Amino acid sequence: MTAGFGAFSASIYRAKIISAERPVPGDVAVGVRDWFAGRVRAHVPESESALGLGFLLGLRRAMPAELSDNLKIAGLTHIVVASGYNLTILVRLARRLFAKRSKYLAMLSAAVMIIGFMAVTGLSPSMSRAGLVAGLSLAAWYYGRTIHPLVLLPVSAAITLLINPQFGWGDLGWQLSFASFAGVIMLAPLLHSYFFGNKEPGAFRQILIETLSAQIMTLPLLMMSFGVISNVALIANMLILPFVPLAMLLTFMSGVLVFVPMIGALIAIPTTWLLGYMIQVTNWTAGFEWAQMEVSINLWQCAVLYVALILAMIWMKKQTKLDLAKINIVE
């Protein structure tokens, strides 16, 4: 065993595995996930089912390599990674279904969805952050309270770093997760208030501004880490993101009703059509010669860009006098 590198505490080279054992029954949540994935694949074609399971469960291992590469080029990887976006859809769905009948039932169903989703996807850094933020926001909504983003972000970061301090400096996914969340919960409301005033955002405008805000906040990190940015990400996201909740619902129904005579096959038809459309959009946008652009920056340049973003947000806050404490991802 020798000294490690990056986020690894130690390294072992040329190790020999003597034996391997699997606990019984093992990870029950993973077993349920794989069982459900098999049911979805019974009627939905391979590529489409892989994309649908990526939306619903963050399951990417069965996704064709070409589709996975095109998702990266088109700036769409975040929709098939277990993250805050998927979790936010589930929490908002639970609130809208049950809030009018019972606030307690809405909170309980959303909490079950958070725990279940985290169980089947695993506690990755981004998933830990997403579950924690969604849980705190849900609790605040239930008790009629608000949490200012400048409190929610540091508290969530501190708790996840307490679990694993290496997330902070050694895990790009954790860093991108917090950056994108800051874009959605802070930059997006400021941009909307600055350009559109107090008007309620429609679904299209909300998706556009939130997507743009998340991309702006993660752009310096992406340029520093990969030296490549997607020029088609905004177009691809606008053509696909509005249909992700419906795709998640249809994929879930395909798995639940797969063995019901006639119904399973009927549900699989619109599921296949919708997921096929998303694959076509991904391949189309990723196929442009100008889909990606090489832009590389160093750590100091990255820091300067984030300082500029923070100053711009402070200026918009003063101009709009927006109360960020009223922003809640659950609503």
C-alpha atoms as a PDB file:
ATOM      1  CA  MET A   1       0.000   0.000   0.000  1.00  0.00           C
ATOM      2  CA  THR A   2       1.362   3.394  -0.992  1.00  0.00           C
ATOM      3  CA  ALA A   3       0.259   7.012  -0.716  1.00  0.00           C
ATOM      4  CA  GLY A   4      -2.837   7.828  -2.733  1.00  0.00           C
ATOM      5  CA  PHE A   5      -3.558  10.599  -5.217  1.00  0.00           C
ATOM      6  CA  GLY A   6      -6.449  12.986  -5.778  1.00  0.00           C
ATOM      7  CA  ALA A   7      -9.433  11.910  -3.674  1.00  0.00           C
ATOM      8  CA  PHE A   8      -7.918   8.475  -2.900  1.00  0.00           C
ATOM      9  CA  SER A   9      -6.371   7.990   0.549  1.00  0.00           C
ATOM     10  CA  ALA A  10      -4.113   5.133  -0.531  1.00  0.00           C
ATOM     11  CA  SER A  11      -3.209   2.992  -3.537  1.00  0.00           C
ATOM     12  CA  ILE A  12      -2.607  -0.736  -3.946  1.00  0.00           C
ATOM     13  CA  TYR A  13      -1.005  -2.023  -7.155  1.00  0.00           C
ATOM     14  CA  ARG A  14      -0.946  -5.652  -8.347  1.00  0.00           C
ATOM     15  CA  ALA A  15      -3.275  -6.738  -5.550  1.00  0.00           C
ATOM     16  CA  LYS A  16      -4.534 -10.326  -5.586  1.00  0.00           C
ATOM     17  CA  ILE A  17      -8.178 -11.071  -4.743  1.00  0.00           C
ATOM     18  CA  ILE A  18      -8.289 -14.202  -2.595  1.00  0.00           C
ATOM     19  CA  SER A  19     -12.063 -14.535  -2.323  1.00  0.00           C
ATOM     20  CA  ALA A  20     -15.268 -12.587  -2.829  1.00  0.00           C
ATOM     21  CA  GLU A  21     -18.550 -13.010  -0.973  1.00  0.00           C
ATOM     22  CA  ARG A  22     -21.968 -11.504  -1.489  1.00  0.00           C
ATOM     23  CA  PRO A  23     -24.262 -10.894   1.489  1.00  0.00           C
ATOM     24  CA  VAL A  24     -27.707 -12.475   1.441  1.00  0.00           C
ATOM     25  CA  PRO A  25     -30.138 -10.928   0.622  1.00  0.00           C
ATOM     26  CA  GLY A  26     -27.693  -8.110  -0.175  1.00  0.00           C
ATOM     27  CA  ASP A  27     -28.824  -4.670  -1.249  1.00  0.00           C
ATOM     28  CA  VAL A  28     -32.590  -5.088  -1.464  1.00  0.00           C
ATOM     29  CA  ALA A  29     -33.118  -1.683  -3.085  1.00  0.00           C
ATOM     30  CA  VAL A  30     -30.695  -2.509  -5.914  1.00  0.00           C
ATOM     31  CA  GLY A  31     -32.458  -5.841  -6.409  1.00  0.00           C
ATOM     32  CA  VAL A  32     -35.811  -4.095  -6.727  1.00  0.00           C
ATOM     33  CA  ARG A  33     -34.274  -1.606  -9.172  1.00  0.00           C
ATOM     34  CA  ASP A  34     -32.870  -4.341 -11.414  1.00  0.00           C
ATOM     35  CA  TRP A  35     -36.134  -6.285 -11.245  1.00  0.00           C
ATOM     36  CA  PHE A  36     -38.104  -3.209 -12.289  1.00  0.00           C
ATOM     37  CA  ALA A  37     -35.617  -2.428 -15.087  1.00  0.00           C
ATOM     38  CA  GLY A  38     -36.142  -5.925 -16.483  1.00  0.00           C
ATOM     39  CA  ARG A  39     -39.902  -5.360 -16.561  1.00  0.00           C
ATOM     40  CA  VAL A  40     -39.505  -2.093 -18.488  1.00  0.00           C
ATOM     41  CA  ARG A  41     -37.259  -3.781 -21.066  1.00  0.00           C
ATOM     42  CA  ALA A  42     -39.920  -6.441 -21.698  1.00  0.00           C
ATOM     43  CA  HIS A  43     -41.889  -4.156 -24.058  1.00  0.00           C
ATOM     44  CA  VAL A  44     -39.738  -1.043 -24.608  1.00  0.00           C
ATOM     45  CA  PRO A  45     -36.771  -1.301 -27.063  1.00  0.00           C
ATOM     46  CA  GLU A  46     -33.211  -1.315 -25.721  1.00  0.00           C
ATOM     47  CA  SER A  47     -32.112   2.272 -26.393  1.00  0.00           C
ATOM     48  CA  GLU A  48     -35.443   3.785 -25.379  1.00  0.00           C
ATOM     49  CA  SER A  49     -35.694   1.709 -22.191  1.00  0.00           C
ATOM     50  CA  ALA A  50     -32.114   2.620 -21.257  1.00  0.00           C
ATOM     51  CA  LEU A  51     -32.925   6.328 -21.608  1.00  0.00           C
ATOM     52  CA  GLY A  52     -36.180   6.000 -19.671  1.00  0.00           C
ATOM     53  CA  LEU A  53     -34.480   4.113 -16.840  1.00  0.00           C
ATOM     54  CA  GLY A  54     -31.791   6.797 -16.820  1.00  0.00           C
ATOM     55  CA  PHE A  55     -34.507   9.419 -16.249  1.00  0.00           C
ATOM     56  CA  LEU A  56     -36.363   7.428 -13.617  1.00  0.00           C
ATOM     57  CA  LEU A  57     -33.580   5.632 -11.730  1.00  0.00           C
ATOM     58  CA  GLY A  58     -30.308   7.168 -12.858  1.00  0.00           C
ATOM     59  CA  LEU A  59     -29.431   3.767 -14.372  1.00  0.00           C
ATOM     60  CA  ARG A  60     -26.859   4.305 -17.137  1.00  0.00           C
ATOM     61  CA  ARG A  61     -24.929   1.041 -17.374  1.00  0.00           C
ATOM     62  CA  ALA A  62     -27.150  -0.409 -20.135  1.00  0.00           C
ATOM     63  CA  MET A  63     -27.113   2.752 -22.245  1.00  0.00           C
ATOM     64  CA  PRO A  64     -25.461   2.375 -25.684  1.00  0.00           C
ATOM     65  CA  ALA A  65     -22.027   4.015 -25.844  1.00  0.00           C
ATOM     66  CA  GLU A  66     -22.997   6.192 -28.819  1.00  0.00           C
ATOM     67  CA  LEU A  67     -26.070   7.563 -27.051  1.00  0.00           C
ATOM     68  CA  SER A  68     -24.066   8.210 -23.885  1.00  0.00           C
ATOM     69  CA  ASP A  69     -21.442  10.143 -25.868  1.00  0.00           C
ATOM     70  CA  ASN A  70     -24.091  12.172 -27.691  1.00  0.00           C
ATOM     71  CA  LEU A  71     -25.743  13.086 -24.389  1.00  0.00           C
ATOM     72  CA  LYS A  72     -22.418  14.499 -23.211  1.00  0.00           C
ATOM     73  CA  ILE A  73     -21.897  16.483 -26.425  1.00  0.00           C
ATOM     74  CA  ALA A  74     -25.438  17.880 -26.287  1.00  0.00           C
ATOM     75  CA  GLY A  75     -25.101  18.871 -22.616  1.00  0.00           C
ATOM     76  CA  LEU A  76     -27.818  16.454 -21.526  1.00  0.00           C
ATOM     77  CA  THR A  77     -25.913  14.127 -19.207  1.00  0.00           C
ATOM     78  CA  HIS A  78     -27.525  15.697 -16.142  1.00  0.00           C
ATOM     79  CA  ILE A  79     -30.967  14.317 -17.051  1.00  0.00           C
ATOM     80  CA  VAL A  80     -29.811  10.674 -16.948  1.00  0.00           C
ATOM     81  CA  VAL A  81     -27.708  11.014 -13.805  1.00  0.00           C
ATOM     82  CA  ALA A  82     -29.391  10.553 -10.445  1.00  0.00           C
ATOM     83  CA  SER A  83     -29.477  14.181  -9.378  1.00  0.00           C
ATOM     84  CA  GLY A  84     -31.536  16.975  -7.948  1.00  0.00           C
ATOM     85  CA  TYR A  85     -33.468  17.468 -11.187  1.00  0.00           C
ATOM     86  CA  ASN A  86     -34.992  13.971 -11.088  1.00  0.00           C
ATOM     87  CA  LEU A  87     -35.678  14.260  -7.371  1.00  0.00           C
ATOM     88  CA  THR A  88     -37.261  17.696  -7.686  1.00  0.00           C
ATOM     89  CA  ILE A  89     -39.695  16.339 -10.292  1.00  0.00           C
ATOM     90  CA  LEU A  90     -40.790  13.559  -7.915  1.00  0.00           C
ATOM     91  CA  VAL A  91     -41.168  15.892  -4.917  1.00  0.00           C
ATOM     92  CA  ARG A  92     -43.159  18.483  -6.860  1.00  0.00           C
ATOM     93  CA  LEU A  93     -45.357  15.721  -8.283  1.00  0.00           C
ATOM     94  CA  ALA A  94     -46.160  14.422  -4.784  1.00  0.00           C
ATOM     95  CA  ARG A  95     -46.955  17.919  -3.534  1.00  0.00           C
ATOM     96  CA  ARG A  96     -49.263  18.719  -6.438  1.00  0.00           C
ATOM     97  CA  LEU A  97     -51.084  15.383  -6.203  1.00  0.00           C
ATOM     98  CA  PHE A  98     -51.789  15.440  -2.472  1.00  0.00           C
ATOM     99  CA  ALA A  99     -51.338  19.007  -1.140  1.00  0.00           C
ATOM    100  CA  LYS A 100     -54.978  19.982  -1.727  1.00  0.00           C
ATOM    101  CA  ARG A 101     -56.205  16.889   0.098  1.00  0.00           C
ATOM    102  CA  SER A 102     -53.692  16.724   2.932  1.00  0.00           C
ATOM    103  CA  LYS A 103     -50.474  18.609   3.540  1.00  0.00           C
ATOM    104  CA  TYR A 104     -49.272  15.777   5.778  1.00  0.00           C
ATOM    105  CA  LEU A 105     -49.959  13.203   3.036  1.00  0.00           C
ATOM    106  CA  ALA A 106     -48.083  15.344   0.498  1.00  0.00           C
ATOM    107  CA  MET A 107     -45.107  15.631   2.829  1.00  0.00           C
ATOM    108  CA  LEU A 108     -45.127  11.923   3.682  1.00  0.00           C
ATOM    109  CA  SER A 109     -45.381  10.770   0.052  1.00  0.00           C
ATOM    110  CA  ALA A 110     -42.626  13.163  -1.021  1.00  0.00           C
ATOM    111  CA  ALA A 111     -40.391  11.949   1.833  1.00  0.00           C
ATOM    112  CA  VAL A 112     -40.970   8.324   0.801  1.00  0.00           C
ATOM    113  CA  MET A 113     -40.040   9.230  -2.783  1.00  0.00           C
ATOM    114  CA  ILE A 114     -36.830  10.936  -1.615  1.00  0.00           C
ATOM    115  CA  ILE A 115     -35.767   7.963   0.519  1.00  0.00           C
ATOM    116  CA  GLY A 116     -36.749   5.402  -2.116  1.00  0.00           C
ATOM    117  CA  PHE A 117     -35.003   7.251  -4.930  1.00  0.00           C
ATOM    118  CA  MET A 118     -31.813   7.602  -2.901  1.00  0.00           C
ATOM    119  CA  ALA A 119     -31.960   3.916  -1.945  1.00  0.00           C
ATOM    120  CA  VAL A 120     -32.133   2.644  -5.528  1.00  0.00           C
ATOM    121  CA  THR A 121     -29.630   5.130  -6.976  1.00  0.00           C
ATOM    122  CA  GLY A 122     -27.035   5.035  -4.201  1.00  0.00           C
ATOM    123  CA  LEU A 123     -25.495   7.800  -2.107  1.00  0.00           C
ATOM    124  CA  SER A 124     -23.293   9.456  -4.697  1.00  0.00           C
ATOM    125  CA  PRO A 125     -22.047  12.969  -3.809  1.00  0.00           C
ATOM    126  CA  SER A 126     -24.577  14.652  -6.094  1.00  0.00           C
ATOM    127  CA  MET A 127     -27.399  12.406  -4.853  1.00  0.00           C
ATOM    128  CA  SER A 128     -26.495  13.077  -1.205  1.00  0.00           C
ATOM    129  CA  ARG A 129     -26.675  16.809  -1.873  1.00  0.00           C
ATOM    130  CA  ALA A 130     -29.938  16.502  -3.781  1.00  0.00           C
ATOM    131  CA  GLY A 131     -31.622  14.396  -1.120  1.00  0.00           C
ATOM    132  CA  LEU A 132     -30.482  16.674   1.677  1.00  0.00           C
ATOM    133  CA  VAL A 133     -31.594  19.875  -0.067  1.00  0.00           C
ATOM    134  CA  ALA A 134     -34.942  18.365  -1.078  1.00  0.00           C
ATOM    135  CA  GLY A 135     -35.526  17.066   2.446  1.00  0.00           C
ATOM    136  CA  LEU A 136     -34.734  20.376   4.134  1.00  0.00           C
ATOM    137  CA  SER A 137     -36.858  22.301   1.618  1.00  0.00           C
ATOM    138  CA  LEU A 138     -39.741  19.854   2.100  1.00  0.00           C
ATOM    139  CA  ALA A 139     -39.576  20.204   5.889  1.00  0.00           C
ATOM    140  CA  ALA A 140     -39.542  24.003   5.614  1.00  0.00           C
ATOM    141  CA  TRP A 141     -42.563  23.927   3.286  1.00  0.00           C
ATOM    142  CA  TYR A 142     -44.495  21.596   5.607  1.00  0.00           C
ATOM    143  CA  TYR A 143     -43.994  23.817   8.662  1.00  0.00           C
ATOM    144  CA  GLY A 144     -44.707  27.002   6.704  1.00  0.00           C
ATOM    145  CA  ARG A 145     -41.127  28.199   6.955  1.00  0.00           C
ATOM    146  CA  THR A 146     -38.598  29.415   4.421  1.00  0.00           C
ATOM    147  CA  ILE A 147     -34.868  28.781   4.156  1.00  0.00           C
ATOM    148  CA  HIS A 148     -32.687  31.381   2.514  1.00  0.00           C
ATOM    149  CA  PRO A 149     -30.472  29.851  -0.213  1.00  0.00           C
ATOM    150  CA  LEU A 150     -27.416  31.397   1.456  1.00  0.00           C
ATOM    151  CA  VAL A 151     -28.282  29.292   4.508  1.00  0.00           C
ATOM    152  CA  LEU A 152     -29.475  26.160   2.703  1.00  0.00           C
ATOM    153  CA  LEU A 153     -26.372  25.876   0.510  1.00  0.00           C
ATOM    154  CA  PRO A 154     -23.702  26.149   3.266  1.00  0.00           C
ATOM    155  CA  VAL A 155     -25.668  23.874   5.641  1.00  0.00           C
ATOM    156  CA  SER A 156     -26.088  21.211   2.942  1.00  0.00           C
ATOM    157  CA  ALA A 157     -22.434  21.497   1.999  1.00  0.00           C
ATOM    158  CA  ALA A 158     -21.324  21.236   5.625  1.00  0.00           C
ATOM    159  CA  ILE A 159     -23.402  18.105   6.276  1.00  0.00           C
ATOM    160  CA  THR A 160     -22.206  16.310   3.137  1.00  0.00           C
ATOM    161  CA  LEU A 161     -18.597  17.282   3.868  1.00  0.00           C
ATOM    162  CA  LEU A 162     -19.018  15.981   7.415  1.00  0.00           C
ATOM    163  CA  ILE A 163     -19.974  12.620   5.899  1.00  0.00           C
ATOM    164  CA  ASN A 164     -17.043  12.663   3.471  1.00  0.00           C
ATOM    165  CA  PRO A 165     -14.601  15.629   3.502  1.00  0.00           C
ATOM    166  CA  GLN A 166     -13.069  14.480   0.202  1.00  0.00           C
ATOM    167  CA  PHE A 167     -16.183  15.575  -1.691  1.00  0.00           C
ATOM    168  CA  GLY A 168     -15.113  19.221  -1.426  1.00  0.00           C
ATOM    169  CA  TRP A 169     -11.782  19.064  -3.228  1.00  0.00           C
ATOM    170  CA  GLY A 170     -11.759  15.695  -4.939  1.00  0.00           C
ATOM    171  CA  ASP A 171     -15.207  15.168  -6.452  1.00  0.00           C
ATOM    172  CA  LEU A 172     -16.173  17.214  -9.496  1.00  0.00           C
ATOM    173  CA  GLY A 173     -19.726  15.843  -9.401  1.00  0.00           C
ATOM    174  CA  TRP A 174     -20.239  17.317  -5.925  1.00  0.00           C
ATOM    175  CA  GLN A 175     -18.870  20.681  -7.044  1.00  0.00           C
ATOM    176  CA  LEU A 176     -21.001  20.773 -10.202  1.00  0.00           C
ATOM    177  CA  SER A 177     -24.055  19.690  -8.222  1.00  0.00           C
ATOM    178  CA  PHE A 178     -23.786  22.633  -5.834  1.00  0.00           C
ATOM    179  CA  ALA A 179     -22.974  25.062  -8.631  1.00  0.00           C
ATOM    180  CA  SER A 180     -26.001  24.031 -10.694  1.00  0.00           C
ATOM    181  CA  PHE A 181     -28.259  24.150  -7.627  1.00  0.00           C
ATOM    182  CA  ALA A 182     -27.033  27.674  -6.844  1.00  0.00           C
ATOM    183  CA  GLY A 183     -27.918  28.600 -10.412  1.00  0.00           C
ATOM    184  CA  VAL A 184     -31.453  27.207 -10.146  1.00  0.00           C
ATOM    185  CA  ILE A 185     -32.345  28.570  -6.704  1.00  0.00           C
ATOM    186  CA  MET A 186     -30.496  31.912  -6.812  1.00  0.00           C
ATOM    187  CA  LEU A 187     -29.492  33.035 -10.295  1.00  0.00           C
ATOM    188  CA  ALA A 188     -32.686  31.885 -12.064  1.00  0.00           C
ATOM    189  CA  PRO A 189     -35.110  33.868  -9.823  1.00  0.00           C
ATOM    190  CA  LEU A 190     -32.882  36.941 -10.100  1.00  0.00           C
ATOM    191  CA  LEU A 191     -32.752  36.716 -13.903  1.00  0.00           C
ATOM    192  CA  HIS A 192     -36.507  36.264 -14.131  1.00  0.00           C
ATOM    193  CA  SER A 193     -37.209  39.155 -11.770  1.00  0.00           C
ATOM    194  CA  TYR A 194     -34.726  41.416 -13.560  1.00  0.00           C
ATOM    195  CA  PHE A 195     -36.034  40.769 -17.096  1.00  0.00           C
ATOM    196  CA  PHE A 196     -39.721  39.953 -16.478  1.00  0.00           C
ATOM    197  CA  GLY A 197     -40.594  41.560 -13.151  1.00  0.00           C
ATOM    198  CA  ASN A 198     -43.111  39.875 -10.852  1.00  0.00           C
ATOM    199  CA  LYS A 199     -44.961  37.980 -13.583  1.00  0.00           C
ATOM    200  CA  GLU A 200     -45.504  34.283 -12.909  1.00  0.00           C
ATOM    201  CA  PRO A 201     -43.181  32.282 -15.163  1.00  0.00           C
ATOM    202  CA  GLY A 202     -44.805  29.837 -17.552  1.00  0.00           C
ATOM    203  CA  ALA A 203     -43.454  26.301 -17.840  1.00  0.00           C
ATOM    204  CA  PHE A 204     -41.422  27.099 -20.975  1.00  0.00           C
ATOM    205  CA  ARG A 205     -39.901  30.285 -19.562  1.00  0.00           C
ATOM    206  CA  GLN A 206     -39.124  28.633 -16.218  1.00  0.00           C
ATOM    207  CA  ILE A 207     -37.314  25.720 -17.875  1.00  0.00           C
ATOM    208  CA  LEU A 208     -35.414  28.094 -20.153  1.00  0.00           C
ATOM    209  CA  ILE A 209     -34.219  30.359 -17.327  1.00  0.00           C
ATOM    210  CA  GLU A 210     -33.396  27.514 -14.911  1.00  0.00           C
ATOM    211  CA  THR A 211     -31.480  25.602 -17.588  1.00  0.00           C
ATOM    212  CA  LEU A 212     -29.558  28.701 -18.641  1.00  0.00           C
ATOM    213  CA  SER A 213     -28.790  29.592 -15.008  1.00  0.00           C
ATOM    214  CA  ALA A 214     -27.493  26.114 -14.180  1.00  0.00           C
ATOM    215  CA  GLN A 215     -25.271  26.147 -17.272  1.00  0.00           C
ATOM    216  CA  ILE A 216     -23.897  29.601 -16.456  1.00  0.00           C
ATOM    217  CA  MET A 217     -23.006  28.582 -12.891  1.00  0.00           C
ATOM    218  CA  THR A 218     -21.285  25.344 -13.951  1.00  0.00           C
ATOM    219  CA  LEU A 219     -19.539  26.766 -17.029  1.00  0.00           C
ATOM    220  CA  PRO A 220     -16.292  27.937 -15.308  1.00  0.00           C
ATOM    221  CA  LEU A 221     -15.852  24.548 -13.614  1.00  0.00           C
ATOM    222  CA  LEU A 222     -16.484  22.692 -16.866  1.00  0.00           C
ATOM    223  CA  MET A 223     -14.011  24.839 -18.787  1.00  0.00           C
ATOM    224  CA  MET A 224     -11.350  24.343 -16.124  1.00  0.00           C
ATOM    225  CA  SER A 225     -11.931  20.585 -15.763  1.00  0.00           C
ATOM    226  CA  PHE A 226     -12.586  19.458 -19.346  1.00  0.00           C
ATOM    227  CA  GLY A 227     -11.622  22.356 -21.606  1.00  0.00           C
ATOM    228  CA  VAL A 228     -14.757  21.674 -23.661  1.00  0.00           C
ATOM    229  CA  ILE A 229     -18.209  23.269 -23.589  1.00  0.00           C
ATOM    230  CA  SER A 230     -21.402  22.403 -25.457  1.00  0.00           C
ATOM    231  CA  ASN A 231     -22.750  24.993 -27.907  1.00  0.00           C
ATOM    232  CA  VAL A 232     -26.058  23.152 -28.359  1.00  0.00           C
ATOM    233  CA  ALA A 233     -26.885  22.486 -24.698  1.00  0.00           C
ATOM    234  CA  LEU A 234     -29.537  25.198 -24.430  1.00  0.00           C
ATOM    235  CA  ILE A 235     -31.316  24.079 -27.620  1.00  0.00           C
ATOM    236  CA  ALA A 236     -31.194  20.402 -26.659  1.00  0.00           C
ATOM    237  CA  ASN A 237     -32.423  21.055 -23.120  1.00  0.00           C
ATOM    238  CA  MET A 238     -35.341  23.171 -24.299  1.00  0.00           C
ATOM    239  CA  LEU A 239     -36.441  20.453 -26.729  1.00  0.00           C
ATOM    240  CA  ILE A 240     -36.196  17.640 -24.171  1.00  0.00           C
ATOM    241  CA  LEU A 241     -36.583  18.890 -20.575  1.00  0.00           C
ATOM    242  CA  PRO A 242     -40.330  19.772 -20.830  1.00  0.00           C
ATOM    243  CA  PHE A 243     -41.075  16.109 -21.632  1.00  0.00           C
ATOM    244  CA  VAL A 244     -38.881  14.493 -18.959  1.00  0.00           C
ATOM    245  CA  PRO A 245     -41.642  14.305 -16.275  1.00  0.00           C
ATOM    246  CA  LEU A 246     -43.990  12.628 -18.780  1.00  0.00           C
ATOM    247  CA  ALA A 247     -41.220  10.245 -19.868  1.00  0.00           C
ATOM    248  CA  MET A 248     -40.586   9.306 -16.217  1.00  0.00           C
ATOM    249  CA  LEU A 249     -44.301   8.655 -15.658  1.00  0.00           C
ATOM    250  CA  LEU A 250     -44.671   6.527 -18.804  1.00  0.00           C
ATOM    251  CA  THR A 251     -41.515   4.537 -17.992  1.00  0.00           C
ATOM    252  CA  PHE A 252     -42.843   3.861 -14.481  1.00  0.00           C
ATOM    253  CA  MET A 253     -46.223   2.756 -15.827  1.00  0.00           C
ATOM    254  CA  SER A 254     -44.519   0.531 -18.410  1.00  0.00           C
ATOM    255  CA  GLY A 255     -42.733  -1.310 -15.622  1.00  0.00           C
ATOM    256  CA  VAL A 256     -45.770  -1.573 -13.352  1.00  0.00           C
ATOM    257  CA  LEU A 257     -48.300  -2.638 -16.010  1.00  0.00           C
ATOM    258  CA  VAL A 258     -46.032  -4.736 -18.227  1.00  0.00           C
ATOM    259  CA  PHE A 259     -47.779  -8.030 -17.472  1.00  0.00           C
ATOM    260  CA  VAL A 260     -51.343  -6.694 -17.521  1.00  0.00           C
ATOM    261  CA  PRO A 261     -52.967  -8.060 -20.712  1.00  0.00           C
ATOM    262  CA  MET A 262     -53.107  -5.453 -23.486  1.00  0.00           C
ATOM    263  CA  ILE A 263     -52.533  -2.512 -21.114  1.00  0.00           C
ATOM    264  CA  GLY A 264     -48.783  -3.077 -20.827  1.00  0.00           C
ATOM    265  CA  ALA A 265     -48.312  -3.191 -24.591  1.00  0.00           C
ATOM    266  CA  LEU A 266     -50.490  -0.100 -25.092  1.00  0.00           C
ATOM    267  CA  ILE A 267     -48.537   1.941 -22.517  1.00  0.00           C
ATOM    268  CA  ALA A 268     -45.277   0.859 -24.149  1.00  0.00           C
ATOM    269  CA  ILE A 269     -46.272   2.477 -27.480  1.00  0.00           C
ATOM    270  CA  PRO A 270     -46.345   6.157 -26.359  1.00  0.00           C
ATOM    271  CA  THR A 271     -43.375   5.449 -24.065  1.00  0.00           C
ATOM    272  CA  THR A 272     -41.323   4.237 -27.024  1.00  0.00           C
ATOM    273  CA  TRP A 273     -42.442   7.152 -29.210  1.00  0.00           C
ATOM    274  CA  LEU A 274     -41.571   9.814 -26.636  1.00  0.00           C
ATOM    275  CA  LEU A 275     -38.200   8.319 -25.707  1.00  0.00           C
ATOM    276  CA  GLY A 276     -37.433   7.794 -29.396  1.00  0.00           C
ATOM    277  CA  TYR A 277     -38.093  11.483 -30.031  1.00  0.00           C
ATOM    278  CA  MET A 278     -35.652  12.389 -27.275  1.00  0.00           C
ATOM    279  CA  ILE A 279     -32.985  10.114 -28.738  1.00  0.00           C
ATOM    280  CA  GLN A 280     -33.462  11.666 -32.180  1.00  0.00           C
ATOM    281  CA  VAL A 281     -33.103  15.182 -30.743  1.00  0.00           C
ATOM    282  CA  THR A 282     -29.967  14.146 -28.856  1.00  0.00           C
ATOM    283  CA  ASN A 283     -28.357  12.613 -31.935  1.00  0.00           C
ATOM    284  CA  TRP A 284     -29.389  15.562 -34.117  1.00  0.00           C
ATOM    285  CA  THR A 285     -27.992  18.272 -31.838  1.00  0.00           C
ATOM    286  CA  ALA A 286     -24.816  16.299 -31.095  1.00  0.00           C
ATOM    287  CA  GLY A 287     -24.234  15.745 -34.814  1.00  0.00           C
ATOM    288  CA  PHE A 288     -23.403  19.361 -35.651  1.00  0.00           C
ATOM    289  CA  GLU A 289     -19.734  20.060 -36.311  1.00  0.00           C
ATOM    290  CA  TRP A 290     -19.923  23.088 -34.024  1.00  0.00           C
ATOM    291  CA  ALA A 291     -21.704  21.230 -31.205  1.00  0.00           C
ATOM    292  CA  GLN A 292     -18.636  21.504 -28.969  1.00  0.00           C
ATOM    293  CA  MET A 293     -15.999  24.160 -28.483  1.00  0.00           C
ATOM    294  CA  GLU A 294     -12.613  23.893 -26.782  1.00  0.00           C
ATOM    295  CA  VAL A 295     -12.119  26.525 -24.084  1.00  0.00           C
ATOM    296  CA  SER A 296      -9.569  25.900 -21.337  1.00  0.00           C
ATOM    297  CA  ILE A 297      -8.974  28.070 -18.258  1.00  0.00           C
ATOM    298  CA  ASN A 298      -6.863  27.731 -15.109  1.00  0.00           C
ATOM    299  CA  LEU A 299      -7.888  27.888 -11.443  1.00  0.00           C
ATOM    300  CA  TRP A 300      -7.363  31.654 -11.102  1.00  0.00           C
ATOM    301  CA  GLN A 301      -9.407  32.414 -14.207  1.00  0.00           C
ATOM    302  CA  CYS A 302     -12.153  30.142 -12.888  1.00  0.00           C
ATOM    303  CA  ALA A 303     -12.133  32.044  -9.584  1.00  0.00           C
ATOM    304  CA  VAL A 304     -12.328  35.400 -11.391  1.00  0.00           C
ATOM    305  CA  LEU A 305     -15.354  34.231 -13.385  1.00  0.00           C
ATOM    306  CA  TYR A 306     -17.178  33.149 -10.225  1.00  0.00           C
ATOM    307  CA  VAL A 307     -16.394  36.464  -8.531  1.00  0.00           C
ATOM    308  CA  ALA A 308     -17.862  38.234 -11.577  1.00  0.00           C
ATOM    309  CA  LEU A 309     -20.997  36.056 -11.373  1.00  0.00           C
ATOM    310  CA  ILE A 310     -21.414  36.792  -7.664  1.00  0.00           C
ATOM    311  CA  LEU A 311     -21.062  40.544  -8.260  1.00  0.00           C
ATOM    312  CA  ALA A 312     -23.628  40.369 -11.084  1.00  0.00           C
ATOM    313  CA  MET A 313     -26.067  38.538  -8.785  1.00  0.00           C
ATOM    314  CA  ILE A 314     -25.558  41.126  -6.022  1.00  0.00           C
ATOM    315  CA  TRP A 315     -26.248  43.929  -8.519  1.00  0.00           C
ATOM    316  CA  MET A 316     -29.439  42.242  -9.796  1.00  0.00           C
ATOM    317  CA  LYS A 317     -30.542  41.651  -6.197  1.00  0.00           C
ATOM    318  CA  LYS A 318     -30.222  45.364  -5.450  1.00  0.00           C
ATOM    319  CA  GLN A 319     -32.035  46.342  -8.647  1.00  0.00           C
ATOM    320  CA  THR A 320     -34.957  43.922  -8.222  1.00  0.00           C
ATOM    321  CA  LYS A 321     -35.138  43.835  -4.395  1.00  0.00           C
ATOM    322  CA  LEU A 322     -36.129  40.180  -4.738  1.00  0.00           C
ATOM    323  CA  ASP A 323     -36.487  38.233  -1.475  1.00  0.00           C
ATOM    324  CA  LEU A 324     -34.615  34.983  -2.188  1.00  0.00           C
ATOM    325  CA  ALA A 325     -35.829  33.526   1.117  1.00  0.00           C
ATOM    326  CA  LYS A 326     -39.231  32.948  -0.518  1.00  0.00           C
ATOM    327  CA  ILE A 327     -37.756  30.660  -3.191  1.00  0.00           C
ATOM    328  CA  ASN A 328     -38.473  26.974  -2.495  1.00  0.00           C
ATOM    329  CA  ILE A 329     -37.718  24.143  -4.913  1.00  0.00           C
ATOM    330  CA  VAL A 330     -40.645  22.131  -3.543  1.00  0.00           C
ATOM    331  CA  GLU A 331     -43.222  24.606  -4.847  1.00  0.00           C
END
